[in-house]
Amino acid sequence: MTDETASQRRQRLRRAAELLGDLMPETTSDERDPGGDDTGSREREILRDRPPHHGS
């Protein structure tokens, strides 16, 4: 394992964020309104567009 400086670590993490985007949501599920459309609408959209051969 290599020893990296704080600056190198920040650069690596910044680069990863640029490539991958924000992997952590701004709020957790217990902070959101359970009836809200935050992630639920995206999940519903994905499930609606699922091909028939993927089952129910």
C-alpha atoms as a PDB file:
ATOM      1  CA  MET A   1       0.000   0.000   0.000  1.00  0.00           C
ATOM      2  CA  THR A   2       1.351   3.421  -0.856  1.00  0.00           C
ATOM      3  CA  ASP A   3       1.564   6.366   1.475  1.00  0.00           C
ATOM      4  CA  GLU A   4      -0.245   9.328   0.001  1.00  0.00           C
ATOM      5  CA  THR A   5      -0.218  12.877   1.191  1.00  0.00           C
ATOM      6  CA  ALA A   6      -3.382  14.740   2.126  1.00  0.00           C
ATOM      7  CA  SER A   7      -3.093  16.715  -1.103  1.00  0.00           C
ATOM      8  CA  GLN A   8      -2.836  13.542  -3.189  1.00  0.00           C
ATOM      9  CA  ARG A   9      -5.827  12.060  -1.387  1.00  0.00           C
ATOM     10  CA  ARG A  10      -7.918  15.195  -2.037  1.00  0.00           C
ATOM     11  CA  GLN A  11      -6.960  15.094  -5.714  1.00  0.00           C
ATOM     12  CA  ARG A  12      -7.849  11.406  -5.939  1.00  0.00           C
ATOM     13  CA  LEU A  13     -11.220  11.944  -4.260  1.00  0.00           C
ATOM     14  CA  ARG A  14     -11.955  15.017  -6.396  1.00  0.00           C
ATOM     15  CA  ARG A  15     -11.176  13.027  -9.548  1.00  0.00           C
ATOM     16  CA  ALA A  16     -13.378  10.165  -8.392  1.00  0.00           C
ATOM     17  CA  ALA A  17     -16.230  12.615  -7.721  1.00  0.00           C
ATOM     18  CA  GLU A  18     -15.828  14.069 -11.211  1.00  0.00           C
ATOM     19  CA  LEU A  19     -15.984  10.627 -12.793  1.00  0.00           C
ATOM     20  CA  LEU A  20     -18.632   9.024 -10.622  1.00  0.00           C
ATOM     21  CA  GLY A  21     -20.709  11.940  -9.477  1.00  0.00           C
ATOM     22  CA  ASP A  22     -22.119  12.304  -6.009  1.00  0.00           C
ATOM     23  CA  LEU A  23     -22.578   8.794  -4.651  1.00  0.00           C
ATOM     24  CA  MET A  24     -24.124   9.813  -1.365  1.00  0.00           C
ATOM     25  CA  PRO A  25     -27.546  11.475  -1.258  1.00  0.00           C
ATOM     26  CA  GLU A  26     -27.943  14.864   0.392  1.00  0.00           C
ATOM     27  CA  THR A  27     -30.432  13.401   2.856  1.00  0.00           C
ATOM     28  CA  THR A  28     -31.016   9.934   4.224  1.00  0.00           C
ATOM     29  CA  SER A  29     -34.272   8.048   3.761  1.00  0.00           C
ATOM     30  CA  ASP A  30     -35.357   8.750   7.346  1.00  0.00           C
ATOM     31  CA  GLU A  31     -34.960  12.506   6.748  1.00  0.00           C
ATOM     32  CA  ARG A  32     -37.177  12.521   3.651  1.00  0.00           C
ATOM     33  CA  ASP A  33     -40.946  12.616   3.517  1.00  0.00           C
ATOM     34  CA  PRO A  34     -42.097   8.991   3.123  1.00  0.00           C
ATOM     35  CA  GLY A  35     -44.717  10.103   0.603  1.00  0.00           C
ATOM     36  CA  GLY A  36     -42.306  12.328  -1.298  1.00  0.00           C
ATOM     37  CA  ASP A  37     -41.139  11.862  -4.858  1.00  0.00           C
ATOM     38  CA  ASP A  38     -37.373  12.045  -4.251  1.00  0.00           C
ATOM     39  CA  THR A  39     -35.973   8.610  -5.042  1.00  0.00           C
ATOM     40  CA  GLY A  40     -39.285   6.809  -5.242  1.00  0.00           C
ATOM     41  CA  SER A  41     -40.209   8.392  -8.552  1.00  0.00           C
ATOM     42  CA  ARG A  42     -36.912   7.296 -10.096  1.00  0.00           C
ATOM     43  CA  GLU A  43     -37.382   3.768  -8.800  1.00  0.00           C
ATOM     44  CA  ARG A  44     -40.934   3.678 -10.143  1.00  0.00           C
ATOM     45  CA  GLU A  45     -39.661   4.898 -13.520  1.00  0.00           C
ATOM     46  CA  ILE A  46     -37.014   2.159 -13.634  1.00  0.00           C
ATOM     47  CA  LEU A  47     -39.525  -0.534 -12.667  1.00  0.00           C
ATOM     48  CA  ARG A  48     -42.051   0.754 -15.228  1.00  0.00           C
ATOM     49  CA  ASP A  49     -39.447   0.580 -18.003  1.00  0.00           C
ATOM     50  CA  ARG A  50     -38.285  -2.925 -17.051  1.00  0.00           C
ATOM     51  CA  PRO A  51     -38.437  -5.338 -20.013  1.00  0.00           C
ATOM     52  CA  PRO A  52     -41.078  -8.097 -19.767  1.00  0.00           C
ATOM     53  CA  HIS A  53     -38.490 -10.891 -19.756  1.00  0.00           C
ATOM     54  CA  HIS A  54     -37.148  -9.595 -16.414  1.00  0.00           C
ATOM     55  CA  GLY A  55     -40.235 -10.804 -14.575  1.00  0.00           C
ATOM     56  CA  SER A  56     -42.414  -8.918 -12.176  1.00  0.00           C
END
